Amino acid sequence: MPTPEQLNEYRGIIRAPIISEKSMGQAEQENKYHFEVHPEANKVQIREAIEALFDVRVVKVNTLTIKGKIRRRSYRHRTGKTARQKKAIVTLAAGEHIDLVDVA
C-alpha cells in the first residue's frame, strides 16, 4: 500500500487519461490505455504509478514525446511555441481494465 506522499508523486507523474476514438478502441480491443504523463517520467516510474493508482498489473509501457509546435499569435503575427508533451501507452494484463469514466 503506497503512502500518501507516494500517491501525490504518482499523481504528478500521471497527468490525465487521453480519451479519443482511437484510444477507446485500443482499450476495448487490445487492453491498451493512453495517458498524458510528466515529460521527465521514465517507463519504470509510469508503470509503478499506474499499478499503484489503479490497482492493476501492467505488462508493457510505450512512451512517445511530442515536440511543441510553433503557432502564430494574433498580436502583430508574432510566433509562440506550445509546450512539449509526453504520452504513455500502457498495456494491461489479460482480464484487467481501468474505468476511465471515473478518472476523467
N, C-alpha and C. Protein backbone atom coordinates (compact mmCIF):
# COMPACT_ATOMS: atom_id res chain seq x y z
N MET A 1 0.84 -1.18 0.00
CA MET A 1 0.00 0.00 0.00
C MET A 1 0.88 1.24 0.00
N PRO A 2 0.74 2.09 -1.02
CA PRO A 2 1.58 3.29 -1.07
C PRO A 2 1.17 4.32 -0.02
N THR A 3 2.16 5.08 0.41
CA THR A 3 1.90 6.13 1.38
C THR A 3 1.26 7.34 0.68
N PRO A 4 0.68 8.26 1.44
CA PRO A 4 0.08 9.46 0.82
C PRO A 4 1.10 10.29 0.03
N GLU A 5 2.34 10.33 0.49
CA GLU A 5 3.37 11.07 -0.25
C GLU A 5 3.64 10.42 -1.61
N GLN A 6 3.68 9.07 -1.62
CA GLN A 6 3.90 8.36 -2.88
C GLN A 6 2.72 8.57 -3.82
N LEU A 7 1.51 8.56 -3.30
CA LEU A 7 0.33 8.78 -4.15
C LEU A 7 0.37 10.17 -4.78
N ASN A 8 0.79 11.18 -4.03
CA ASN A 8 0.92 12.52 -4.60
C ASN A 8 1.97 12.55 -5.69
N GLU A 9 3.07 11.84 -5.49
CA GLU A 9 4.11 11.76 -6.51
C GLU A 9 3.58 11.05 -7.76
N TYR A 10 2.84 9.98 -7.57
CA TYR A 10 2.27 9.24 -8.71
C TYR A 10 1.27 10.10 -9.48
N ARG A 11 0.48 10.89 -8.75
CA ARG A 11 -0.48 11.78 -9.43
C ARG A 11 0.24 12.87 -10.21
N GLY A 12 1.44 13.23 -9.80
CA GLY A 12 2.24 14.19 -10.56
C GLY A 12 2.81 13.58 -11.83
N ILE A 13 3.04 12.28 -11.81
CA ILE A 13 3.57 11.59 -12.99
C ILE A 13 2.47 11.39 -14.02
N ILE A 14 1.32 10.86 -13.59
CA ILE A 14 0.19 10.62 -14.49
C ILE A 14 -0.68 11.86 -14.47
N ARG A 15 -0.64 12.63 -15.54
CA ARG A 15 -1.38 13.90 -15.56
C ARG A 15 -2.85 13.71 -15.90
N ALA A 16 -3.16 12.97 -16.97
CA ALA A 16 -4.55 12.80 -17.38
C ALA A 16 -4.66 11.65 -18.36
N PRO A 17 -5.82 10.99 -18.39
CA PRO A 17 -6.04 10.00 -19.43
C PRO A 17 -6.34 10.70 -20.75
N ILE A 18 -5.98 10.07 -21.83
CA ILE A 18 -6.29 10.61 -23.16
C ILE A 18 -7.50 9.83 -23.68
N ILE A 19 -8.59 10.55 -23.87
CA ILE A 19 -9.84 9.92 -24.30
C ILE A 19 -10.15 10.38 -25.72
N SER A 20 -9.98 9.47 -26.66
CA SER A 20 -10.29 9.73 -28.06
C SER A 20 -10.86 8.45 -28.66
N GLU A 21 -11.30 8.53 -29.90
CA GLU A 21 -11.84 7.33 -30.55
C GLU A 21 -10.79 6.24 -30.65
N LYS A 22 -9.59 6.63 -31.04
CA LYS A 22 -8.52 5.65 -31.20
C LYS A 22 -8.14 5.02 -29.85
N SER A 23 -8.00 5.83 -28.82
CA SER A 23 -7.60 5.28 -27.53
C SER A 23 -8.68 4.40 -26.93
N MET A 24 -9.93 4.76 -27.10
CA MET A 24 -11.03 3.93 -26.58
C MET A 24 -11.12 2.61 -27.34
N GLY A 25 -10.87 2.65 -28.65
CA GLY A 25 -10.86 1.42 -29.43
C GLY A 25 -9.76 0.48 -28.99
N GLN A 26 -8.57 1.03 -28.75
CA GLN A 26 -7.46 0.20 -28.29
C GLN A 26 -7.71 -0.33 -26.88
N ALA A 27 -8.39 0.45 -26.05
CA ALA A 27 -8.69 -0.02 -24.70
C ALA A 27 -9.63 -1.22 -24.74
N GLU A 28 -10.61 -1.17 -25.63
CA GLU A 28 -11.57 -2.27 -25.71
C GLU A 28 -10.99 -3.50 -26.39
N GLN A 29 -10.25 -3.31 -27.48
CA GLN A 29 -9.79 -4.44 -28.29
C GLN A 29 -8.45 -4.99 -27.83
N GLU A 30 -7.50 -4.12 -27.47
CA GLU A 30 -6.14 -4.57 -27.19
C GLU A 30 -5.71 -4.39 -25.74
N ASN A 31 -6.62 -3.86 -24.90
CA ASN A 31 -6.33 -3.63 -23.49
C ASN A 31 -5.18 -2.64 -23.29
N LYS A 32 -5.12 -1.60 -24.17
CA LYS A 32 -4.10 -0.55 -24.09
C LYS A 32 -4.78 0.76 -23.72
N TYR A 33 -4.18 1.45 -22.76
CA TYR A 33 -4.73 2.72 -22.28
C TYR A 33 -3.71 3.83 -22.48
N HIS A 34 -4.20 5.00 -22.87
CA HIS A 34 -3.34 6.14 -23.18
C HIS A 34 -3.42 7.17 -22.05
N PHE A 35 -2.25 7.70 -21.66
CA PHE A 35 -2.20 8.71 -20.61
C PHE A 35 -1.21 9.80 -21.01
N GLU A 36 -1.51 11.03 -20.59
CA GLU A 36 -0.53 12.11 -20.68
C GLU A 36 0.28 12.04 -19.40
N VAL A 37 1.60 12.02 -19.53
CA VAL A 37 2.47 11.87 -18.36
C VAL A 37 3.45 13.04 -18.29
N HIS A 38 4.13 13.15 -17.17
CA HIS A 38 5.15 14.18 -16.98
C HIS A 38 6.28 13.95 -17.99
N PRO A 39 6.79 15.01 -18.62
CA PRO A 39 7.81 14.84 -19.65
C PRO A 39 9.11 14.18 -19.17
N GLU A 40 9.41 14.27 -17.88
CA GLU A 40 10.65 13.69 -17.37
C GLU A 40 10.46 12.28 -16.81
N ALA A 41 9.24 11.76 -16.83
CA ALA A 41 8.98 10.43 -16.26
C ALA A 41 9.51 9.34 -17.18
N ASN A 42 10.05 8.28 -16.58
CA ASN A 42 10.51 7.15 -17.38
C ASN A 42 9.51 6.00 -17.27
N LYS A 43 9.76 4.93 -18.02
CA LYS A 43 8.80 3.82 -18.10
C LYS A 43 8.59 3.12 -16.76
N VAL A 44 9.64 2.99 -15.97
CA VAL A 44 9.52 2.33 -14.68
C VAL A 44 8.64 3.15 -13.75
N GLN A 45 8.83 4.46 -13.73
CA GLN A 45 8.00 5.33 -12.89
C GLN A 45 6.54 5.29 -13.33
N ILE A 46 6.31 5.29 -14.64
CA ILE A 46 4.96 5.24 -15.17
C ILE A 46 4.28 3.93 -14.78
N ARG A 47 5.00 2.82 -14.89
CA ARG A 47 4.46 1.50 -14.51
C ARG A 47 4.07 1.49 -13.04
N GLU A 48 4.96 1.96 -12.17
CA GLU A 48 4.68 1.97 -10.73
C GLU A 48 3.47 2.84 -10.42
N ALA A 49 3.37 4.00 -11.08
CA ALA A 49 2.27 4.92 -10.82
C ALA A 49 0.93 4.32 -11.24
N ILE A 50 0.88 3.71 -12.42
CA ILE A 50 -0.37 3.11 -12.91
C ILE A 50 -0.78 1.96 -11.99
N GLU A 51 0.16 1.12 -11.62
CA GLU A 51 -0.16 -0.02 -10.76
C GLU A 51 -0.65 0.43 -9.39
N ALA A 52 -0.07 1.50 -8.85
CA ALA A 52 -0.47 1.97 -7.52
C ALA A 52 -1.80 2.72 -7.56
N LEU A 53 -2.00 3.56 -8.56
CA LEU A 53 -3.21 4.38 -8.61
C LEU A 53 -4.46 3.59 -8.99
N PHE A 54 -4.32 2.63 -9.90
CA PHE A 54 -5.50 1.93 -10.42
C PHE A 54 -5.59 0.48 -9.97
N ASP A 55 -4.60 -0.02 -9.23
CA ASP A 55 -4.59 -1.39 -8.72
C ASP A 55 -4.76 -2.41 -9.84
N VAL A 56 -3.91 -2.29 -10.86
CA VAL A 56 -3.90 -3.21 -11.99
C VAL A 56 -2.46 -3.69 -12.21
N ARG A 57 -2.31 -4.71 -13.06
CA ARG A 57 -0.97 -5.24 -13.38
C ARG A 57 -0.61 -4.80 -14.80
N VAL A 58 0.50 -4.07 -14.92
CA VAL A 58 0.95 -3.54 -16.20
C VAL A 58 1.92 -4.54 -16.84
N VAL A 59 1.69 -4.83 -18.12
CA VAL A 59 2.55 -5.75 -18.86
C VAL A 59 3.62 -4.98 -19.62
N LYS A 60 3.23 -3.84 -20.23
CA LYS A 60 4.14 -3.12 -21.12
C LYS A 60 3.82 -1.63 -21.09
N VAL A 61 4.86 -0.80 -21.23
CA VAL A 61 4.69 0.65 -21.30
C VAL A 61 5.45 1.16 -22.52
N ASN A 62 4.75 1.84 -23.41
CA ASN A 62 5.37 2.51 -24.55
C ASN A 62 5.21 4.01 -24.34
N THR A 63 6.26 4.78 -24.63
CA THR A 63 6.18 6.22 -24.47
C THR A 63 6.54 6.91 -25.78
N LEU A 64 5.99 8.11 -25.96
CA LEU A 64 6.37 8.94 -27.10
C LEU A 64 6.33 10.39 -26.67
N THR A 65 7.29 11.17 -27.16
CA THR A 65 7.39 12.58 -26.85
C THR A 65 6.94 13.39 -28.05
N ILE A 66 6.06 14.35 -27.81
CA ILE A 66 5.56 15.21 -28.86
C ILE A 66 6.19 16.57 -28.67
N LYS A 67 6.92 17.02 -29.67
CA LYS A 67 7.58 18.32 -29.58
C LYS A 67 6.55 19.44 -29.66
N GLY A 68 6.88 20.57 -29.07
CA GLY A 68 5.99 21.73 -29.13
C GLY A 68 5.93 22.28 -30.55
N LYS A 69 4.76 22.72 -30.94
CA LYS A 69 4.57 23.25 -32.29
C LYS A 69 4.69 24.77 -32.26
N ILE A 70 5.19 25.34 -33.34
CA ILE A 70 5.24 26.78 -33.48
C ILE A 70 3.89 27.26 -33.97
N ARG A 71 3.29 28.18 -33.23
CA ARG A 71 1.97 28.71 -33.57
C ARG A 71 2.07 30.21 -33.76
N ARG A 72 1.23 30.72 -34.66
CA ARG A 72 1.16 32.15 -34.88
C ARG A 72 0.19 32.77 -33.88
N ARG A 73 0.62 33.83 -33.26
CA ARG A 73 -0.25 34.54 -32.33
C ARG A 73 -0.87 35.72 -33.06
N SER A 74 -1.98 36.22 -32.54
CA SER A 74 -2.71 37.25 -33.27
C SER A 74 -2.05 38.62 -33.18
N TYR A 75 -1.35 38.92 -32.12
CA TYR A 75 -0.79 40.25 -31.94
C TYR A 75 0.45 40.43 -32.81
N ARG A 76 0.31 41.20 -33.85
CA ARG A 76 1.41 41.51 -34.78
C ARG A 76 2.06 40.27 -35.38
N HIS A 77 1.33 39.21 -35.49
CA HIS A 77 1.78 37.97 -36.14
C HIS A 77 3.05 37.41 -35.52
N ARG A 78 3.20 37.59 -34.24
CA ARG A 78 4.36 37.00 -33.57
C ARG A 78 4.11 35.51 -33.39
N THR A 79 5.19 34.80 -33.22
CA THR A 79 5.06 33.36 -33.07
C THR A 79 5.31 32.96 -31.62
N GLY A 80 4.71 31.88 -31.25
CA GLY A 80 4.92 31.28 -29.94
C GLY A 80 5.07 29.78 -30.11
N LYS A 81 5.32 29.10 -29.03
CA LYS A 81 5.52 27.67 -29.12
C LYS A 81 4.68 26.99 -28.04
N THR A 82 3.99 25.92 -28.43
CA THR A 82 3.22 25.16 -27.46
C THR A 82 4.16 24.28 -26.65
N ALA A 83 3.71 23.83 -25.51
CA ALA A 83 4.53 23.01 -24.63
C ALA A 83 4.70 21.61 -25.21
N ARG A 84 5.83 21.01 -24.92
CA ARG A 84 6.03 19.63 -25.34
C ARG A 84 5.20 18.73 -24.43
N GLN A 85 4.85 17.57 -24.95
CA GLN A 85 4.05 16.62 -24.20
C GLN A 85 4.68 15.25 -24.27
N LYS A 86 4.33 14.41 -23.33
CA LYS A 86 4.75 13.02 -23.36
C LYS A 86 3.53 12.16 -23.13
N LYS A 87 3.37 11.15 -23.97
CA LYS A 87 2.26 10.21 -23.86
C LYS A 87 2.80 8.84 -23.49
N ALA A 88 1.98 8.10 -22.76
CA ALA A 88 2.32 6.73 -22.43
C ALA A 88 1.16 5.84 -22.85
N ILE A 89 1.49 4.75 -23.54
CA ILE A 89 0.50 3.74 -23.91
C ILE A 89 0.81 2.53 -23.03
N VAL A 90 -0.12 2.22 -22.14
CA VAL A 90 0.08 1.19 -21.13
C VAL A 90 -0.75 -0.02 -21.49
N THR A 91 -0.10 -1.18 -21.61
CA THR A 91 -0.79 -2.44 -21.87
C THR A 91 -0.97 -3.16 -20.55
N LEU A 92 -2.20 -3.53 -20.26
CA LEU A 92 -2.52 -4.23 -19.02
C LEU A 92 -2.59 -5.73 -19.24
N ALA A 93 -2.49 -6.47 -18.16
CA ALA A 93 -2.59 -7.93 -18.22
C ALA A 93 -4.01 -8.32 -18.62
N ALA A 94 -4.15 -9.53 -19.13
CA ALA A 94 -5.47 -10.01 -19.55
C ALA A 94 -6.41 -10.04 -18.36
N GLY A 95 -7.63 -9.56 -18.58
CA GLY A 95 -8.63 -9.52 -17.53
C GLY A 95 -8.63 -8.25 -16.70
N GLU A 96 -7.61 -7.41 -16.83
CA GLU A 96 -7.52 -6.15 -16.11
C GLU A 96 -8.14 -5.04 -16.94
N HIS A 97 -8.70 -4.04 -16.29
CA HIS A 97 -9.20 -2.86 -17.02
C HIS A 97 -9.24 -1.66 -16.09
N ILE A 98 -9.26 -0.47 -16.69
CA ILE A 98 -9.37 0.79 -15.97
C ILE A 98 -10.63 1.47 -16.44
N ASP A 99 -11.45 1.91 -15.50
CA ASP A 99 -12.68 2.64 -15.84
C ASP A 99 -12.33 4.11 -16.00
N LEU A 100 -12.16 4.57 -17.24
CA LEU A 100 -11.72 5.93 -17.49
C LEU A 100 -12.83 6.97 -17.28
N VAL A 101 -14.07 6.55 -17.17
CA VAL A 101 -15.15 7.49 -16.92
C VAL A 101 -15.00 8.11 -15.52
N ASP A 102 -14.60 7.31 -14.55
CA ASP A 102 -14.41 7.82 -13.19
C ASP A 102 -13.14 8.66 -13.08
N VAL A 103 -12.12 8.37 -13.91
CA VAL A 103 -10.84 9.07 -13.84
C VAL A 103 -10.95 10.46 -14.43
N ALA A 104 -11.63 10.60 -15.58
CA ALA A 104 -11.69 11.87 -16.29
C ALA A 104 -12.62 12.79 -15.64
